[in-house]
């Protein structure tokens, strides 16, 4: 993923202090139930299905280390839904 300033976010960032999971309120209970199934799994194989299902409910919020933009990618989206700065604040 690339920020509007040109910064390229690596697939695995070394510094995760500016990277957050994003879960819609309507999906939160389902996400927690799936995570509980992962924790209760007795084998790695048992945990794979709930991990895959819960991963589909998680989006991402990143802060660009170069320009400070907040980049929001909702769950299920291929790319960012928006880029926000202090000059162009979040729409809510």
Protein backbone atom coordinates (compact mmCIF):
# COMPACT_ATOMS: atom_id res chain seq x y z
CA UNK A 1 0.00 0.00 0.00
CA UNK A 2 1.23 3.46 -0.83
CA UNK A 3 0.46 6.75 0.93
CA UNK A 4 -0.44 9.84 -1.08
CA UNK A 5 2.96 11.32 -0.16
CA UNK A 6 4.67 8.37 -1.85
CA UNK A 7 5.67 6.42 1.28
CA UNK A 8 5.37 2.69 0.61
CA UNK A 9 4.06 0.68 3.55
CA UNK A 10 5.85 -2.67 3.61
CA UNK A 11 3.78 -5.83 4.03
CA UNK A 12 5.48 -6.32 7.39
CA UNK A 13 6.40 -3.03 9.03
CA UNK A 14 9.26 -3.08 11.50
CA UNK A 15 7.64 -0.33 13.60
CA UNK A 16 4.07 -1.24 14.46
CA UNK A 17 3.46 1.68 16.84
CA UNK A 18 1.51 3.45 14.08
CA UNK A 19 -0.50 0.45 12.88
CA UNK A 20 -3.86 -0.52 14.39
CA UNK A 21 -6.52 -3.18 13.86
CA UNK A 22 -9.92 -1.85 12.82
CA UNK A 23 -13.07 -3.84 13.59
CA UNK A 24 -16.56 -2.54 12.82
CA UNK A 25 -18.85 -2.32 15.83
CA UNK A 26 -21.37 -4.61 14.17
CA UNK A 27 -18.65 -7.29 13.71
CA UNK A 28 -17.03 -7.00 17.13
CA UNK A 29 -19.03 -9.73 18.93
CA UNK A 30 -18.49 -12.16 16.05
CA UNK A 31 -14.80 -11.36 16.06
CA UNK A 32 -14.52 -12.03 19.81
CA UNK A 33 -16.37 -15.36 19.51
CA UNK A 34 -14.04 -16.46 16.72
CA UNK A 35 -10.99 -15.44 18.74
CA UNK A 36 -12.32 -17.47 21.69
CA UNK A 37 -12.58 -20.49 19.37
CA UNK A 38 -8.95 -19.96 18.37
CA UNK A 39 -7.85 -19.89 22.00
CA UNK A 40 -9.91 -22.99 22.83
CA UNK A 41 -8.59 -25.01 19.88
CA UNK A 42 -6.64 -28.06 20.94
CA UNK A 43 -4.70 -28.31 17.69
CA UNK A 44 -3.31 -25.87 15.17
CA UNK A 45 -5.60 -27.38 12.54
CA UNK A 46 -8.69 -26.63 14.68
CA UNK A 47 -7.63 -23.00 14.96
CA UNK A 48 -7.22 -22.37 11.22
CA UNK A 49 -10.89 -21.92 10.32
CA UNK A 50 -11.71 -19.36 13.06
CA UNK A 51 -8.47 -17.51 12.33
CA UNK A 52 -9.38 -17.22 8.65
CA UNK A 53 -12.94 -16.09 9.47
CA UNK A 54 -11.85 -13.50 12.05
CA UNK A 55 -9.18 -12.13 9.71
CA UNK A 56 -11.94 -11.16 7.25
CA UNK A 57 -13.44 -8.91 9.94
CA UNK A 58 -10.26 -6.91 10.56
CA UNK A 59 -9.35 -3.75 8.72
CA UNK A 60 -6.38 -1.50 9.28
CA UNK A 61 -5.53 2.02 10.38
CA UNK A 62 -2.00 3.26 9.72
CA UNK A 63 -0.29 6.55 10.36
CA UNK A 64 2.23 7.44 7.66
CA UNK A 65 5.64 8.04 9.24
CA UNK A 66 6.55 10.48 6.46
CA UNK A 67 3.58 12.87 6.34
CA UNK A 68 1.40 11.91 9.33
CA UNK A 69 -1.68 11.03 7.26
CA UNK A 70 -4.04 8.50 8.76
CA UNK A 71 -4.79 5.78 6.22
CA UNK A 72 -7.95 3.74 6.80
CA UNK A 73 -8.58 0.39 5.11
CA UNK A 74 -11.86 -1.23 6.24
CA UNK A 75 -12.21 -5.00 6.48
CA UNK A 76 -12.83 -6.62 3.12
CA UNK A 77 -11.45 -3.69 1.11
CA UNK A 78 -8.54 -4.04 -1.30
CA UNK A 79 -7.21 -0.57 -0.65
CA UNK A 80 -7.60 2.51 1.50
CA UNK A 81 -11.03 4.06 1.95
CA UNK A 82 -9.44 7.37 2.74
CA UNK A 83 -6.43 9.42 3.73
CA UNK A 84 -6.88 11.98 6.47
CA UNK A 85 -4.72 14.80 7.83
CA UNK A 86 -5.21 17.63 10.31
CA UNK A 87 -6.04 19.84 7.33
CA UNK A 88 -8.55 17.27 5.99
CA UNK A 89 -9.93 15.67 9.17
CA UNK A 90 -11.90 12.46 9.51
CA UNK A 91 -15.42 12.80 8.09
CA UNK A 92 -17.23 11.96 11.33
